[in-house]
Amino acid sequence: MTDGTENDFMIRPYLPADRDAIVSLWQSVFETDPPWSDPHDVIVRKRSVQPDLFLVGVLGERVVGTVLAGFDGVRGWVHHLAVVPELRRRGYAGRLMDRAEQVLLDLGCPKLNLQVRRSNADVIAFYKNRGHSIDDVISLGKPLGRWRRDAD
């Protein structure tokens, strides 16, 4: 497997052969994620809903980044923007976000939302540098199905 050069970086839709590399990437980058964000489950769910918005950054033949986008007709969302730690600060995350934003814009999306853990100052700074601002809202969540506390 070759890494290629930085000029070989490209963004394409997810392919089944990407699974193991993406699981490994997400396990290292999102190690504190809750159980409903298990990488295997996220891949299955995303492949069943707007699979063309599951974008993968590759360098040569190596998966080095991901971003998941979605549009519900009102707002767009971005999840799982990730870049292999040793390849950060080379513009790959920005290029992945540019593509996600363009795809959402092409779908007629008027506003992009995303969530970042309050403690993740580096990621908040990344998004602020891209023109995002903190909305005056409170994020609410409720685990559904097998993730509910009272579920077996």
Protein backbone atom coordinates (compact mmCIF):
# COMPACT_ATOMS: atom_id res chain seq x y z
CA MET A 1 0.00 0.00 0.00
CA THR A 2 1.42 3.37 -0.95
CA ASP A 3 0.86 6.65 0.81
CA GLY A 4 1.47 8.72 -2.31
CA THR A 5 2.43 12.38 -2.15
CA GLU A 6 0.38 15.29 -0.87
CA ASN A 7 -0.55 16.04 -4.49
CA ASP A 8 -2.17 12.59 -4.66
CA PHE A 9 -4.77 13.49 -2.02
CA MET A 10 -8.27 12.98 -3.34
CA ILE A 11 -11.75 12.79 -1.91
CA ARG A 12 -14.18 10.12 -3.03
CA PRO A 13 -17.24 8.25 -1.75
CA TYR A 14 -16.82 5.41 0.73
CA LEU A 15 -15.95 1.98 -0.67
CA PRO A 16 -16.45 -1.28 1.27
CA ALA A 17 -12.68 -1.88 1.13
CA ASP A 18 -12.25 1.27 3.29
CA ARG A 19 -14.01 -0.25 6.31
CA ASP A 20 -11.04 -1.50 8.34
CA ALA A 21 -8.97 1.64 7.82
CA ILE A 22 -11.90 3.88 8.78
CA VAL A 23 -12.72 1.83 11.88
CA SER A 24 -9.10 2.11 12.97
CA LEU A 25 -9.02 5.85 12.27
CA TRP A 26 -12.23 6.54 14.17
CA GLN A 27 -11.19 4.36 17.11
CA SER A 28 -8.03 6.42 17.50
CA VAL A 29 -9.56 9.85 16.84
CA PHE A 30 -12.90 9.40 18.62
CA GLU A 31 -11.79 7.13 21.46
CA THR A 32 -14.23 8.69 23.96
CA ASP A 33 -17.32 8.36 21.76
CA PRO A 34 -20.47 6.89 23.32
CA PRO A 35 -21.57 3.35 22.43
CA TRP A 36 -24.08 4.48 19.80
CA SER A 37 -21.14 5.87 17.83
CA ASP A 38 -19.41 2.49 17.47
CA PRO A 39 -17.52 2.80 14.15
CA HIS A 40 -18.92 -0.43 12.71
CA ASP A 41 -22.49 0.69 13.45
CA VAL A 42 -21.92 4.22 12.13
CA ILE A 43 -20.64 2.82 8.83
CA VAL A 44 -23.66 0.53 8.44
CA ARG A 45 -26.12 3.31 9.28
CA LYS A 46 -24.48 5.89 7.02
CA ARG A 47 -24.37 3.46 4.11
CA SER A 48 -28.15 3.10 4.46
CA VAL A 49 -28.90 6.88 4.49
CA GLN A 50 -27.40 9.24 1.92
CA PRO A 51 -24.38 6.97 1.30
CA ASP A 52 -23.07 9.39 -1.33
CA LEU A 53 -22.45 11.86 1.52
CA PHE A 54 -19.94 9.48 3.18
CA LEU A 55 -16.70 11.00 1.93
CA VAL A 56 -13.24 9.51 2.28
CA GLY A 57 -9.91 11.28 1.87
CA VAL A 58 -7.21 9.10 0.39
CA LEU A 59 -3.53 9.70 -0.13
CA GLY A 60 -2.35 7.34 -2.81
CA GLU A 61 -4.09 4.13 -1.74
CA ARG A 62 -4.24 4.97 1.99
CA VAL A 63 -7.40 6.19 3.74
CA VAL A 64 -6.30 9.27 5.68
CA GLY A 65 -9.56 11.08 6.42
CA THR A 66 -13.32 11.03 6.50
CA VAL A 67 -16.32 13.29 6.76
CA LEU A 68 -19.99 12.35 6.93
CA ALA A 69 -22.59 14.84 5.73
CA GLY A 70 -26.36 14.78 5.79
CA PHE A 71 -29.24 17.00 4.73
CA ASP A 72 -32.79 16.69 6.04
CA GLY A 73 -34.28 19.40 3.82
CA VAL A 74 -33.90 22.07 6.52
CA ARG A 75 -30.34 21.87 7.83
CA GLY A 76 -27.15 20.12 6.90
CA TRP A 77 -25.02 18.28 9.39
CA VAL A 78 -21.41 17.16 9.43
CA HIS A 79 -20.08 14.32 11.54
CA HIS A 80 -16.87 12.31 11.84
CA LEU A 81 -14.47 14.76 10.28
CA ALA A 82 -11.24 12.92 10.99
CA VAL A 83 -7.69 12.92 9.69
CA VAL A 84 -4.93 10.49 10.60
CA PRO A 85 -3.11 12.23 13.48
CA GLU A 86 0.35 12.21 11.89
CA LEU A 87 -1.02 13.92 8.75
CA ARG A 88 -2.85 16.78 10.44
CA ARG A 89 -2.16 20.46 9.69
CA ARG A 90 -1.63 19.77 6.00
CA GLY A 91 -5.02 21.03 4.84
CA TYR A 92 -6.75 17.65 4.47
CA ALA A 93 -9.50 18.39 7.02
CA GLY A 94 -10.18 21.70 5.31
CA ARG A 95 -10.43 20.03 1.93
CA LEU A 96 -12.80 17.40 3.32
CA MET A 97 -14.98 20.14 4.84
CA ASP A 98 -14.89 22.15 1.59
CA ARG A 99 -16.21 19.12 -0.27
CA ALA A 100 -18.90 18.38 2.33
CA GLU A 101 -20.04 22.00 2.27
CA GLN A 102 -20.15 22.04 -1.54
CA VAL A 103 -22.17 18.82 -1.69
CA LEU A 104 -24.64 20.22 0.84
CA LEU A 105 -24.86 23.53 -1.03
CA ASP A 106 -25.51 21.65 -4.27
CA LEU A 107 -28.44 19.93 -2.52
CA GLY A 108 -29.92 23.32 -1.61
CA CYS A 109 -28.86 23.26 2.03
CA PRO A 110 -29.16 26.75 3.57
CA LYS A 111 -27.26 26.18 6.84
CA LEU A 112 -24.70 23.75 8.16
CA ASN A 113 -24.75 22.54 11.77
CA LEU A 114 -22.18 20.51 13.62
CA GLN A 115 -21.45 19.66 17.20
CA VAL A 116 -18.10 19.78 18.95
CA ARG A 117 -17.37 18.82 22.51
CA ARG A 118 -16.94 22.00 24.57
CA SER A 119 -13.56 20.75 25.83
CA ASN A 120 -12.12 20.32 22.32
CA ALA A 121 -10.53 23.76 21.92
CA ASP A 122 -8.39 22.82 18.89
CA VAL A 123 -11.38 21.63 16.90
CA ILE A 124 -13.46 24.65 17.90
CA ALA A 125 -10.62 26.89 16.70
CA PHE A 126 -10.46 24.95 13.40
CA TYR A 127 -14.14 25.58 12.72
CA LYS A 128 -14.02 29.23 13.83
CA ASN A 129 -11.14 29.78 11.40
CA ARG A 130 -13.41 28.37 8.68
CA GLY A 131 -16.11 30.96 9.44
CA HIS A 132 -18.29 28.95 11.80
CA SER A 133 -19.65 30.64 14.89
CA ILE A 134 -21.13 29.30 18.08
CA ASP A 135 -24.93 29.34 17.81
CA ASP A 136 -26.94 30.55 20.77
CA VAL A 137 -28.69 27.21 21.22
CA ILE A 138 -28.67 24.31 23.59
CA SER A 139 -28.00 20.91 22.11
CA LEU A 140 -30.39 18.23 23.37
CA GLY A 141 -30.06 14.51 22.80
CA LYS A 142 -31.94 11.33 23.52
CA PRO A 143 -30.60 7.85 22.84
CA LEU A 144 -33.15 5.73 20.98
CA GLY A 145 -33.72 2.00 20.72
CA ARG A 146 -31.11 -0.24 22.25
CA TRP A 147 -29.16 2.76 23.53
CA ARG A 148 -31.90 3.89 25.93
CA ARG A 149 -30.99 3.34 29.55
CA ASP A 150 -34.11 1.30 30.21
CA ALA A 151 -33.65 -0.91 27.11
CA ASP A 152 -32.38 -4.46 27.49
